[in-house]
Amino acid sequence: MTPPEAPANPDNGARAALPAVSLCVIKKRADFLKAARARRVAMPGFVLQMRKRLEGDGIRIGYTCSKKVGNAVARNRAKRRLREIAREILPLHGQPGHDYVLIGRRLETANRPYHILRADLEKALRKLHQPRPKK
């Protein structure tokens, strides 16, 4: 099933329109553990894990920040920033049928400039979706 395209000119004119792709949130621990065993790439602001699912065709995303990131306020701020970059980038560069987990990093996720954090996610997705080299 292919989602419909969003209108080219948004009403408010503030942002370019994003494709109409739904991002489902991963909430079960088992799904996080499956993603932890799959491919990953570490970026300065976060770690991205990716797993190809056998069932389903949508994009699923999970967010996690351990207590190493800081207190509840710091963890929530880091997760808010991860949610926002995922909302902007995954509909454009993510692939249906995949699970993605963004893991926040201490001091970096909450303090890294936003445009650099977005560029890091685009770069990480390109790395993960390129074919693996043959051994």
Protein backbone atom coordinates (compact mmCIF):
# COMPACT_ATOMS: atom_id res chain seq x y z
CA MET A 1 0.00 0.00 0.00
CA THR A 2 1.43 3.36 -1.00
CA PRO A 3 0.44 6.36 1.14
CA PRO A 4 -0.94 9.41 -0.63
CA GLU A 5 1.38 12.35 -1.24
CA ALA A 6 0.92 15.44 0.88
CA PRO A 7 -0.08 18.64 -0.90
CA ALA A 8 2.84 20.51 -2.47
CA ASN A 9 1.91 23.89 -0.97
CA PRO A 10 1.03 23.79 2.72
CA ASP A 11 -1.60 26.26 3.87
CA ASN A 12 0.59 27.95 6.46
CA GLY A 13 3.54 28.35 4.09
CA ALA A 14 6.05 27.91 6.90
CA ARG A 15 7.37 24.45 6.02
CA ALA A 16 7.63 22.26 2.99
CA ALA A 17 5.04 19.49 2.99
CA LEU A 18 6.05 16.02 4.12
CA PRO A 19 4.84 12.83 2.46
CA ALA A 20 1.89 11.23 4.21
CA VAL A 21 3.72 8.31 5.84
CA SER A 22 2.61 7.09 9.21
CA LEU A 23 5.24 6.51 11.85
CA CYS A 24 4.12 3.94 14.39
CA VAL A 25 5.88 4.00 17.75
CA ILE A 26 7.59 0.89 19.11
CA LYS A 27 6.52 0.28 22.70
CA LYS A 28 7.20 -3.41 23.40
CA ARG A 29 10.51 -4.41 24.95
CA ALA A 30 10.78 -7.43 22.64
CA ASP A 31 10.81 -5.15 19.59
CA PHE A 32 13.56 -3.00 21.13
CA LEU A 33 15.61 -6.16 21.81
CA LYS A 34 15.18 -7.36 18.22
CA ALA A 35 16.39 -3.99 16.94
CA ALA A 36 19.38 -4.15 19.31
CA ARG A 37 20.53 -7.35 17.56
CA ALA A 38 20.27 -5.78 14.10
CA ARG A 39 22.38 -3.23 12.22
CA ARG A 40 23.40 0.00 13.92
CA VAL A 41 25.40 3.10 13.29
CA ALA A 42 26.80 5.45 15.94
CA MET A 43 26.67 9.16 15.24
CA PRO A 44 27.93 11.95 17.50
CA GLY A 45 24.42 12.89 18.67
CA PHE A 46 22.74 9.47 18.87
CA VAL A 47 22.90 5.79 17.94
CA LEU A 48 20.52 4.51 15.26
CA GLN A 49 19.50 0.86 15.13
CA MET A 50 17.62 -0.56 12.16
CA ARG A 51 15.87 -3.87 11.64
CA LYS A 52 13.97 -5.16 8.61
CA ARG A 53 10.67 -6.71 9.64
CA LEU A 54 9.18 -9.75 7.96
CA GLU A 55 5.60 -8.58 8.46
CA GLY A 56 4.05 -5.18 7.93
CA ASP A 57 4.88 -2.44 5.52
CA GLY A 58 4.89 0.74 7.62
CA ILE A 59 7.77 2.48 9.33
CA ARG A 60 8.07 1.96 13.09
CA ILE A 61 10.25 4.09 15.33
CA GLY A 62 11.36 3.79 18.94
CA TYR A 63 13.18 6.23 21.21
CA THR A 64 15.23 5.54 24.28
CA CYS A 65 17.48 7.48 26.63
CA SER A 66 19.08 5.80 29.62
CA LYS A 67 19.68 7.44 32.97
CA LYS A 68 23.22 8.12 31.78
CA VAL A 69 21.73 10.91 29.65
CA GLY A 70 20.70 12.74 32.81
CA ASN A 71 17.68 13.35 34.97
CA ALA A 72 14.10 13.07 33.70
CA VAL A 73 14.11 16.60 32.32
CA ALA A 74 17.28 15.96 30.28
CA ARG A 75 16.03 12.59 29.02
CA ASN A 76 12.67 14.04 27.98
CA ARG A 77 14.34 16.94 26.17
CA ALA A 78 16.63 14.55 24.29
CA LYS A 79 13.68 12.33 23.31
CA ARG A 80 11.66 15.35 22.13
CA ARG A 81 14.51 16.34 19.83
CA LEU A 82 14.85 12.77 18.53
CA ARG A 83 11.09 12.60 17.87
CA GLU A 84 11.18 15.84 15.91
CA ILE A 85 14.10 14.88 13.65
CA ALA A 86 12.51 11.47 13.06
CA ARG A 87 9.20 13.12 12.14
CA GLU A 88 10.96 15.26 9.55
CA ILE A 89 13.50 12.82 8.11
CA LEU A 90 12.06 9.29 8.26
CA PRO A 91 9.12 9.88 5.89
CA LEU A 92 11.64 11.05 3.29
CA HIS A 93 14.59 8.70 3.86
CA GLY A 94 13.18 5.75 5.84
CA GLN A 95 12.05 2.56 4.13
CA PRO A 96 8.71 0.85 4.78
CA GLY A 97 8.95 -2.50 6.53
CA HIS A 98 11.76 -1.36 8.83
CA ASP A 99 12.02 -0.64 12.54
CA TYR A 100 14.27 2.20 13.68
CA VAL A 101 15.41 2.89 17.25
CA LEU A 102 17.06 6.19 18.16
CA ILE A 103 19.17 6.10 21.32
CA GLY A 104 20.09 9.41 22.94
CA ARG A 105 23.63 10.20 24.01
CA ARG A 106 24.76 11.97 27.14
CA LEU A 107 25.20 15.73 26.69
CA GLU A 108 25.19 15.48 22.89
CA THR A 109 21.57 14.78 21.94
CA ALA A 110 20.12 17.66 23.91
CA ASN A 111 22.90 20.17 23.17
CA ARG A 112 23.89 19.46 19.56
CA PRO A 113 22.68 22.07 17.05
CA TYR A 114 19.38 20.97 15.55
CA HIS A 115 20.40 21.22 11.88
CA ILE A 116 23.49 19.09 12.56
CA LEU A 117 21.36 16.50 14.38
CA ARG A 118 19.08 16.31 11.30
CA ALA A 119 22.08 15.91 8.99
CA ASP A 120 23.41 13.14 11.24
CA LEU A 121 20.14 11.21 10.91
CA GLU A 122 20.16 11.53 7.11
CA LYS A 123 23.77 10.31 7.00
CA ALA A 124 23.02 7.41 9.36
CA LEU A 125 20.05 6.28 7.24
CA ARG A 126 22.20 6.36 4.08
CA LYS A 127 24.83 4.22 5.81
CA LEU A 128 22.31 1.67 7.08
CA HIS A 129 20.44 1.31 3.79
CA GLN A 130 23.48 0.81 1.59
CA PRO A 131 24.19 -2.85 0.82
CA ARG A 132 26.58 -4.65 3.13
CA PRO A 133 29.98 -5.46 1.65
CA LYS A 134 30.44 -9.15 0.81
CA LYS A 135 32.92 -11.06 2.95
